[in-house]
Amino acid sequence: MADTGTPRAGRTTVEAARQKGVIGWLQVLGPGLITGASDDDPSGIGTYSQVGSQFGYGLLWTALFTFPLMSAVQELCARIALQTGVGLGVSLRRKFPSWLVGIAILGLLGANTFNIGADLGAVAAGGSLLSRGIVHPLWLVIPVALLVLGLEIFASYAVMFKIFKWLTLALFAYVITAFFAHPQLLDVLKATFIPHLEFSRDFAMALVAVLGTTISPYLFFWQASSEVEEMAAADSNPLVRRRGVTAAELRAARVDIVVGMAFSNLVMYFIILTSAAVLHAHGKTDVQTANQAAAALAPLAGPFAFIVFSIGMIGTGLLAIPILAGSAGYALKEFLGIRGDLASKPRHRPTFYVILAAATIAGVVMNFMHLDPIHALFVTAVVNGVVAPPLLVLIVWLGTDWRIMKHRVSGRLSLTLTGLATCAMAVAALTLLVGLIPFRLFS
């Protein structure tokens, strides 16, 4: 079929959105928006809160720096999936040696499992905070895990998104609180547009953590698999897997991704800003507990800050945990060549759901190793920052292969941005790994 710009799948095009107005633009949004919303998971909230409290406005510039990079990376993952009609794991396995892809997938599984454990602990900590400490966080870890598994088995992620997305609106409290905190405008503008760097162990860890929680490996596979599932659900003949993406579909996917990443980075920016203006400015530079992190919202919510913070933590956690488990499941099943997805019934694809359950159970076990929830969120971001670069190298390389991508091969802008993202994350991670700035992860 000629590339006429007429979509063969069901995604609303940009042209159609312009005709329908606001409703049309909302219909364009899909996998990209969900990916962006899940990027501000408890790991992100915990990392940005610690970064803002420790370094003040010093890392505000990373919000602007990472926005085009993460948008380009997610666009590349979506474009690969839309062009090939298969998930990212399958495309990687077709191009690269199995042992090389296997190592990258293994790193992803490890990072995702740690992330699931940290997010489970964060949701439990949020619930404990709502009870004012009456209910111990560990008592809530297993019930939260069972809730997530139950929804994954008996409902769809679309249903979960409809239920829990409203809780994530609590994150906008950071946007409002930033104005109540009355930060120095000149200092904020300077920190936003002029990069600040420090040659220290703590700053290097913070930079790796910020990069790792914004450009997270699990988002690569989730974005690609979501695009494939949406395409399959919309096709008139689902038994025939199509290949190739039209210009109209690609434009719609790009709008979706840019909006989702803009939402993610807006929240990131204001969490750092608020934490810097409220906590760092008053000498609170070492956030170790959920209660301390919640204090950043005090100028807006006063004594009820813990409620707003807890709701945001619980909502983002319940959205992110299924995505973390799902992306691990997609990556592993695509690598192994087995079938299954979140749209299939557990009785039809039991192996896929066993993978989801195993990742979640491993996360539960991690919480009984006496790791501090807030510190674990930060460590999770660092782990993601170390795991991401090798995967990015393979993905960027895949995007340049004419045999696979045809006329949808990466152009100069995509190569520049995704290459910069890969190099920035690799340099930051290698700085830590080779011991140029020695540190102990759990010190």
Protein backbone atom coordinates (compact mmCIF):
# COMPACT_ATOMS: atom_id res chain seq x y z
CA MET A 1 0.00 0.00 0.00
CA ALA A 2 1.32 3.42 -0.89
CA ASP A 3 2.21 5.77 1.89
CA THR A 4 -0.67 8.14 1.30
CA GLY A 5 -0.86 9.39 4.86
CA THR A 6 -4.12 7.57 5.47
CA PRO A 7 -3.78 5.53 8.64
CA ARG A 8 -4.32 1.81 8.46
CA ALA A 9 -4.66 1.52 12.22
CA GLY A 10 -7.11 3.20 14.50
CA ARG A 11 -5.01 6.03 15.93
CA THR A 12 -6.56 9.45 15.42
CA THR A 13 -4.37 11.47 13.07
CA VAL A 14 -3.14 15.02 13.66
CA GLU A 15 -5.18 16.17 10.66
CA ALA A 16 -8.36 14.64 12.10
CA ALA A 17 -7.57 16.10 15.52
CA ARG A 18 -7.41 19.61 14.07
CA GLN A 19 -10.93 19.16 12.66
CA LYS A 20 -12.40 17.76 15.91
CA GLY A 21 -10.86 20.34 18.19
CA VAL A 22 -10.08 19.55 21.84
CA ILE A 23 -11.74 16.12 21.75
CA GLY A 24 -9.73 15.20 18.67
CA TRP A 25 -6.44 16.13 20.31
CA LEU A 26 -7.36 14.08 23.36
CA GLN A 27 -8.01 11.10 21.10
CA VAL A 28 -4.46 11.37 19.71
CA LEU A 29 -3.06 10.77 23.19
CA GLY A 30 -2.40 7.16 24.15
CA PRO A 31 0.77 5.14 24.84
CA GLY A 32 2.96 8.25 24.98
CA LEU A 33 0.82 9.96 27.61
CA ILE A 34 0.64 6.79 29.73
CA THR A 35 4.40 6.36 29.44
CA GLY A 36 4.96 9.97 30.49
CA ALA A 37 2.62 9.63 33.45
CA SER A 38 4.32 6.44 34.61
CA ASP A 39 7.74 8.09 34.35
CA ASP A 40 6.86 10.19 37.41
CA ASP A 41 6.64 7.07 39.55
CA PRO A 42 7.63 6.97 43.24
CA SER A 43 11.25 6.51 42.17
CA GLY A 44 11.04 9.80 40.30
CA ILE A 45 9.28 11.60 43.15
CA GLY A 46 11.80 10.31 45.68
CA THR A 47 14.79 11.13 43.47
CA TYR A 48 13.64 14.65 42.57
CA SER A 49 12.78 15.40 46.20
CA GLN A 50 16.23 14.30 47.37
CA VAL A 51 17.98 16.15 44.54
CA GLY A 52 16.08 19.37 45.25
CA SER A 53 16.64 19.20 48.99
CA GLN A 54 20.35 18.37 48.66
CA PHE A 55 21.43 20.62 45.77
CA GLY A 56 18.75 23.30 45.77
CA TYR A 57 18.14 24.69 42.29
CA GLY A 58 21.44 23.18 41.06
CA LEU A 59 19.82 20.48 38.90
CA LEU A 60 16.78 22.37 37.59
CA TRP A 61 18.47 22.57 34.17
CA THR A 62 18.19 18.79 33.78
CA ALA A 63 14.44 19.12 33.14
CA LEU A 64 15.07 21.12 29.96
CA PHE A 65 18.11 19.02 29.05
CA THR A 66 16.36 15.65 29.29
CA PHE A 67 13.06 16.65 27.63
CA PRO A 68 14.24 16.49 23.98
CA LEU A 69 16.45 13.49 24.74
CA MET A 70 13.74 11.35 26.34
CA SER A 71 11.25 12.43 23.66
CA ALA A 72 13.66 11.32 20.92
CA VAL A 73 14.37 7.99 22.63
CA GLN A 74 10.68 7.18 23.11
CA GLU A 75 9.90 8.28 19.55
CA LEU A 76 12.58 5.92 18.26
CA CYS A 77 11.17 3.01 20.27
CA ALA A 78 7.67 3.76 18.98
CA ARG A 79 8.87 4.15 15.39
CA ILE A 80 10.69 0.81 15.48
CA ALA A 81 7.57 -0.91 16.78
CA LEU A 82 5.22 0.77 14.31
CA GLN A 83 7.52 0.07 11.37
CA THR A 84 8.25 -3.58 12.21
CA GLY A 85 4.89 -4.50 13.77
CA VAL A 86 6.66 -6.33 16.63
CA GLY A 87 7.94 -5.50 20.08
CA LEU A 88 11.39 -4.11 20.76
CA GLY A 89 12.72 -7.41 22.12
CA VAL A 90 11.88 -9.22 18.87
CA SER A 91 13.53 -6.54 16.73
CA LEU A 92 16.68 -6.57 18.85
CA ARG A 93 16.86 -10.38 18.72
CA ARG A 94 16.57 -10.34 14.93
CA LYS A 95 19.48 -7.94 14.49
CA PHE A 96 21.95 -8.74 17.26
CA PRO A 97 23.46 -11.96 18.69
CA SER A 98 21.19 -13.61 21.24
CA TRP A 99 23.85 -13.56 23.96
CA LEU A 100 24.28 -9.78 23.59
CA VAL A 101 20.55 -9.07 23.71
CA GLY A 102 20.22 -11.55 26.56
CA ILE A 103 22.74 -9.64 28.69
CA ALA A 104 20.88 -6.37 28.02
CA ILE A 105 17.52 -8.00 28.88
CA LEU A 106 19.01 -9.46 32.05
CA GLY A 107 20.10 -6.00 33.13
CA LEU A 108 16.61 -4.69 32.42
CA LEU A 109 15.01 -7.47 34.49
CA GLY A 110 17.29 -6.71 37.42
CA ALA A 111 16.60 -2.98 37.26
CA ASN A 112 12.84 -3.53 36.90
CA THR A 113 12.71 -5.93 39.83
CA PHE A 114 14.55 -3.47 42.05
CA ASN A 115 12.26 -0.69 40.81
CA ILE A 116 9.14 -2.74 41.55
CA GLY A 117 10.40 -3.42 45.05
CA ALA A 118 11.15 0.26 45.67
CA ASP A 119 7.77 1.36 44.30
CA LEU A 120 5.92 -1.26 46.36
CA GLY A 121 7.73 0.05 49.43
CA ALA A 122 6.88 3.62 48.49
CA VAL A 123 3.16 2.86 48.07
CA ALA A 124 3.22 1.06 51.42
CA ALA A 125 5.05 4.03 52.98
CA GLY A 126 2.37 6.33 51.57
CA GLY A 127 -0.35 4.20 53.12
CA SER A 128 1.49 4.16 56.44
CA LEU A 129 1.86 7.94 56.29
CA LEU A 130 -1.89 8.30 55.80
CA SER A 131 -2.40 6.30 59.00
CA ARG A 132 0.13 8.58 60.76
CA GLY A 133 2.37 5.60 61.42
CA ILE A 134 -0.26 3.40 63.06
CA VAL A 135 0.06 0.87 60.24
CA HIS A 136 3.65 -0.24 59.63
CA PRO A 137 4.73 0.02 55.95
CA LEU A 138 5.79 -3.64 55.81
CA TRP A 139 2.25 -4.69 56.73
CA LEU A 140 1.01 -3.07 53.51
CA VAL A 141 3.58 -4.39 51.03
CA ILE A 142 1.91 -7.77 50.46
CA PRO A 143 -1.65 -6.34 50.23
CA VAL A 144 -0.46 -3.77 47.66
CA ALA A 145 1.27 -6.50 45.63
CA LEU A 146 -1.86 -8.66 45.73
CA LEU A 147 -3.98 -5.69 44.62
CA VAL A 148 -1.72 -5.04 41.64
CA LEU A 149 -1.56 -8.72 40.65
CA GLY A 150 -5.33 -9.06 41.02
CA LEU A 151 -5.95 -6.10 38.75
CA GLU A 152 -3.41 -7.38 36.20
CA ILE A 153 -5.11 -10.80 36.11
CA PHE A 154 -8.78 -9.83 36.30
CA ALA A 155 -8.78 -6.37 34.70
CA SER A 156 -6.87 -4.58 31.95
CA TYR A 157 -4.27 -1.87 32.25
CA ALA A 158 -6.73 0.48 30.55
CA VAL A 159 -9.10 -0.05 33.48
CA MET A 160 -6.28 0.47 35.98
CA PHE A 161 -5.27 3.68 34.22
CA LYS A 162 -8.83 5.00 34.39
CA ILE A 163 -9.00 4.24 38.12
CA PHE A 164 -5.65 5.50 39.32
CA LYS A 165 -4.84 8.33 36.91
CA TRP A 166 -6.91 10.75 39.01
CA LEU A 167 -4.67 10.13 42.01
CA THR A 168 -1.68 11.35 40.02
CA LEU A 169 -3.29 14.80 39.83
CA ALA A 170 -1.97 15.25 43.37
CA LEU A 171 1.44 15.77 41.73
CA PHE A 172 0.22 19.15 40.46
CA ALA A 173 0.34 20.24 44.09
CA TYR A 174 4.07 20.69 43.53
CA VAL A 175 3.34 23.15 40.72
CA ILE A 176 1.05 25.23 42.94
CA THR A 177 3.31 24.96 45.99
CA ALA A 178 6.23 26.37 44.03
CA PHE A 179 4.41 29.71 43.79
CA PHE A 180 3.40 29.66 47.47
CA ALA A 181 7.06 29.12 48.40
CA HIS A 182 8.08 32.42 46.72
CA PRO A 183 11.44 31.32 45.27
CA GLN A 184 13.87 33.93 43.98
CA LEU A 185 12.86 34.27 40.33
CA LEU A 186 16.32 35.30 39.11
CA ASP A 187 17.95 32.32 40.83
CA VAL A 188 15.35 29.97 39.36
CA LEU A 189 15.79 31.29 35.81
CA LYS A 190 19.56 31.09 36.09
CA ALA A 191 19.45 27.50 37.37
CA THR A 192 16.95 26.53 34.65
CA PHE A 193 18.94 27.73 31.64
CA ILE A 194 22.57 27.63 32.84
CA PRO A 195 23.83 24.11 33.65
CA HIS A 196 25.46 23.76 37.05
CA LEU A 197 28.06 21.01 37.58
CA GLU A 198 29.95 19.88 40.65
CA PHE A 199 32.89 17.49 40.70
CA SER A 200 31.85 15.44 43.67
CA ARG A 201 30.66 11.92 44.44
CA ASP A 202 27.20 13.02 45.57
CA PHE A 203 26.59 15.24 42.54
CA ALA A 204 27.62 12.48 40.13
CA MET A 205 25.23 10.06 41.82
CA ALA A 206 22.45 12.65 41.69
CA LEU A 207 23.02 13.27 37.97
CA VAL A 208 23.00 9.54 37.18
CA ALA A 209 19.83 9.16 39.26
CA VAL A 210 18.04 11.99 37.44
CA LEU A 211 19.02 10.60 34.03
CA GLY A 212 18.07 7.09 35.12
CA THR A 213 14.63 8.01 36.38
CA THR A 214 13.76 10.18 33.35
CA ILE A 215 15.21 7.95 30.61
CA SER A 216 14.36 4.61 32.20
CA PRO A 217 14.97 1.29 30.40
CA TYR A 218 11.52 -0.11 31.20
CA LEU A 219 9.90 2.75 29.28
CA PHE A 220 11.64 1.68 26.05
CA PHE A 221 9.91 -1.70 25.99
CA TRP A 222 6.60 -0.44 27.33
CA GLN A 223 6.33 2.26 24.65
CA ALA A 224 7.09 -0.20 21.84
CA SER A 225 4.78 -2.93 23.12
CA SER A 226 1.97 -0.45 23.73
CA GLU A 227 2.21 0.80 20.16
CA VAL A 228 2.08 -2.78 18.81
CA GLU A 229 -0.93 -3.64 20.98
CA GLU A 230 -2.81 -0.49 19.98
CA MET A 231 -2.05 -1.17 16.33
CA ALA A 232 -3.19 -4.80 16.62
CA ALA A 233 -6.39 -3.83 18.43
CA ALA A 234 -7.30 -1.31 15.74
CA ASP A 235 -6.48 -3.40 12.66
CA SER A 236 -9.46 -4.88 10.86
CA ASN A 237 -7.67 -8.21 10.39
CA PRO A 238 -5.68 -8.96 13.57
CA LEU A 239 -4.56 -12.34 12.17
CA VAL A 240 -2.39 -10.57 9.60
CA ARG A 241 0.48 -8.70 11.25
CA ARG A 242 1.15 -5.61 9.23
CA ARG A 243 4.46 -3.85 8.77
CA GLY A 244 5.18 -0.26 7.94
CA VAL A 245 3.86 2.96 9.40
CA THR A 246 2.24 5.80 7.52
CA ALA A 247 3.31 9.42 7.82
CA ALA A 248 -0.02 10.26 9.49
CA GLU A 249 0.39 7.54 12.14
CA LEU A 250 3.94 8.63 12.85
CA ARG A 251 2.93 12.27 13.30
CA ALA A 252 0.19 11.24 15.71
CA ALA A 253 2.58 9.04 17.68
CA ARG A 254 5.08 11.90 17.92
CA VAL A 255 2.47 14.32 19.24
CA ASP A 256 1.39 11.74 21.79
CA ILE A 257 4.99 11.17 22.94
CA VAL A 258 5.94 14.84 23.12
CA VAL A 259 2.84 15.64 25.22
CA GLY A 260 3.53 12.69 27.53
CA MET A 261 7.20 13.62 28.01
CA ALA A 262 6.29 17.30 28.52
CA PHE A 263 3.88 16.29 31.30
CA SER A 264 6.57 14.13 32.88
CA ASN A 265 9.23 16.83 32.81
CA LEU A 266 6.87 19.55 34.00
CA VAL A 267 6.20 17.53 37.14
CA MET A 268 9.92 16.73 37.47
CA TYR A 269 10.84 20.42 37.25
CA PHE A 270 8.40 21.53 39.92
CA ILE A 271 9.24 18.71 42.35
CA ILE A 272 12.89 19.78 42.25
CA LEU A 273 11.93 23.47 42.44
CA THR A 274 9.53 23.01 45.34
CA SER A 275 11.90 20.77 47.29
CA ALA A 276 14.69 23.31 46.78
CA ALA A 277 12.57 26.31 47.80
CA VAL A 278 10.94 24.69 50.82
CA LEU A 279 13.47 22.15 52.12
CA HIS A 280 16.95 23.17 50.93
CA ALA A 281 16.34 26.86 51.60
CA HIS A 282 15.57 26.02 55.23
CA GLY A 283 18.55 23.75 55.78
CA LYS A 284 16.76 20.42 55.24
CA THR A 285 19.22 18.83 52.87
CA ASP A 286 19.01 15.15 53.75
CA VAL A 287 15.57 13.69 52.98
CA GLN A 288 15.46 10.13 54.31
CA THR A 289 11.77 9.48 55.06
CA ALA A 290 8.42 9.94 53.34
CA ASN A 291 7.36 12.37 56.06
CA GLN A 292 10.39 14.56 55.39
CA ALA A 293 9.72 14.51 51.64
CA ALA A 294 6.07 15.41 52.24
CA ALA A 295 7.16 18.55 54.10
CA ALA A 296 7.91 20.16 50.72
CA LEU A 297 4.16 20.59 50.22
CA ALA A 298 3.62 22.33 53.57
CA PRO A 299 3.32 25.89 52.10
CA LEU A 300 0.24 24.73 50.18
CA ALA A 301 -1.34 22.01 52.28
CA GLY A 302 -0.05 22.92 55.74
CA PRO A 303 -0.63 20.10 58.24
CA PHE A 304 -2.32 18.09 55.47
CA ALA A 305 0.80 17.95 53.29
CA PHE A 306 1.29 14.30 54.17
CA ILE A 307 -2.12 13.48 52.68
CA VAL A 308 -1.39 15.13 49.33
CA PHE A 309 2.07 13.56 49.16
CA SER A 310 0.74 10.11 50.07
CA ILE A 311 -2.03 10.23 47.48
CA GLY A 312 0.46 11.18 44.76
CA MET A 313 2.87 8.44 45.84
CA ILE A 314 0.14 5.79 45.94
CA GLY A 315 -1.40 6.82 42.61
CA THR A 316 1.86 6.94 40.67
CA GLY A 317 3.02 3.70 42.27
CA LEU A 318 -0.13 1.78 41.38
CA LEU A 319 0.22 3.02 37.80
CA ALA A 320 3.93 2.32 37.51
CA ILE A 321 4.21 -1.14 39.12
CA PRO A 322 2.11 -2.89 36.42
CA ILE A 323 4.14 -1.10 33.73
CA LEU A 324 7.40 -2.21 35.34
CA ALA A 325 6.21 -5.81 35.60
CA GLY A 326 4.63 -5.62 32.14
CA SER A 327 7.73 -4.25 30.43
CA ALA A 328 9.81 -7.00 32.07
CA GLY A 329 7.29 -9.54 30.82
CA TYR A 330 7.28 -8.10 27.30
CA ALA A 331 11.08 -7.98 27.11
CA LEU A 332 11.54 -11.55 28.33
CA LYS A 333 8.74 -13.13 26.29
CA GLU A 334 9.90 -11.34 23.11
CA PHE A 335 13.45 -12.52 23.72
CA LEU A 336 12.33 -16.11 24.39
CA GLY A 337 9.85 -16.07 21.53
CA ILE A 338 6.79 -16.91 23.64
CA ARG A 339 3.36 -15.32 23.39
CA GLY A 340 1.34 -13.23 25.77
CA ASP A 341 0.44 -9.66 26.69
CA LEU A 342 -1.69 -7.71 29.14
CA ALA A 343 -4.62 -7.94 26.74
CA SER A 344 -4.62 -11.77 26.79
CA LYS A 345 -6.34 -13.97 29.36
CA PRO A 346 -4.11 -15.62 32.00
CA ARG A 347 -5.52 -19.06 31.18
CA HIS A 348 -4.53 -18.60 27.55
CA ARG A 349 -1.03 -17.21 28.17
CA PRO A 350 -0.06 -18.43 31.66
CA THR A 351 3.72 -18.11 31.09
CA PHE A 352 3.48 -14.36 30.55
CA TYR A 353 1.53 -13.89 33.78
CA VAL A 354 3.95 -16.12 35.67
CA ILE A 355 6.69 -13.67 34.65
CA LEU A 356 4.61 -10.74 35.95
CA ALA A 357 3.94 -12.54 39.23
CA ALA A 358 7.59 -13.54 39.66
CA ALA A 359 8.80 -9.95 39.18
CA THR A 360 6.23 -8.66 41.67
CA ILE A 361 7.02 -11.36 44.26
CA ALA A 362 10.75 -10.56 43.94
CA GLY A 363 9.89 -6.93 44.64
CA VAL A 364 7.96 -7.97 47.75
CA VAL A 365 10.92 -10.00 49.02
CA MET A 366 13.20 -6.99 48.53
CA ASN A 367 11.10 -4.99 50.97
CA PHE A 368 11.83 -7.43 53.75
CA MET A 369 15.56 -6.77 53.41
CA HIS A 370 15.17 -3.64 55.59
CA LEU A 371 15.98 -1.06 52.91
CA ASP A 372 14.78 2.46 53.63
CA PRO A 373 11.95 3.19 51.12
CA ILE A 374 13.05 6.72 50.16
CA HIS A 375 16.73 5.75 49.88
CA ALA A 376 15.74 2.68 47.83
CA LEU A 377 13.92 4.94 45.35
CA PHE A 378 17.10 6.94 44.79
CA VAL A 379 19.24 3.80 44.44
CA THR A 380 16.70 2.48 41.92
CA ALA A 381 17.19 5.58 39.78
CA VAL A 382 20.97 5.06 39.89
CA VAL A 383 20.55 1.41 38.83
CA ASN A 384 18.37 2.48 35.89
CA GLY A 385 20.98 5.05 34.92
CA VAL A 386 23.64 2.34 34.75
CA VAL A 387 21.50 -0.21 32.87
CA ALA A 388 20.12 2.20 30.24
CA PRO A 389 23.25 3.05 28.17
CA PRO A 390 23.97 -0.48 26.80
CA LEU A 391 20.32 -0.86 25.81
CA LEU A 392 20.33 2.56 24.18
CA VAL A 393 23.37 1.66 22.08
CA LEU A 394 21.51 -1.35 20.64
CA ILE A 395 18.27 0.59 20.10
CA VAL A 396 19.98 3.54 18.37
CA TRP A 397 21.95 1.11 16.19
CA LEU A 398 18.73 -0.70 15.30
CA GLY A 399 17.14 2.58 14.25
CA THR A 400 19.87 3.13 11.63
CA ASP A 401 19.40 -0.26 9.92
CA TRP A 402 17.84 0.29 6.47
CA ARG A 403 17.00 -3.40 6.10
CA ILE A 404 14.70 -3.23 9.13
CA MET A 405 13.52 0.38 9.20
CA LYS A 406 13.32 1.01 5.41
CA HIS A 407 12.35 4.65 4.78
CA ARG A 408 11.63 5.13 8.51
CA VAL A 409 15.31 4.93 9.40
CA SER A 410 16.50 7.52 11.95
CA GLY A 411 17.24 10.94 10.50
CA ARG A 412 19.87 13.42 11.61
CA LEU A 413 17.80 14.98 14.38
CA SER A 414 16.85 11.62 15.86
CA LEU A 415 20.42 10.34 15.65
CA THR A 416 21.78 13.50 17.25
CA LEU A 417 19.35 13.48 20.18
CA THR A 418 19.36 9.74 20.85
CA GLY A 419 23.14 9.67 20.45
CA LEU A 420 23.49 12.53 22.92
CA ALA A 421 21.20 10.74 25.38
CA THR A 422 23.29 7.57 25.06
CA CYS A 423 26.60 9.38 25.46
CA ALA A 424 25.43 11.50 28.40
CA MET A 425 24.13 8.48 30.29
CA ALA A 426 27.16 6.36 29.42
CA VAL A 427 29.65 8.99 30.57
CA ALA A 428 27.78 9.54 33.83
CA ALA A 429 27.45 5.80 34.49
CA LEU A 430 31.07 5.00 33.58
CA THR A 431 32.28 7.75 35.89
CA LEU A 432 30.71 5.84 38.74
CA LEU A 433 31.53 2.32 37.60
CA VAL A 434 35.26 2.81 36.97
CA GLY A 435 35.67 4.44 40.34
CA LEU A 436 36.73 7.91 39.20
CA ILE A 437 34.33 9.12 41.86
CA PRO A 438 34.24 6.28 44.42
CA PHE A 439 31.11 5.67 46.39
CA ARG A 440 29.24 2.98 48.21
CA LEU A 441 25.68 2.45 46.97
CA PHE A 442 24.17 1.62 50.36
CA SER A 443 26.34 3.82 52.52
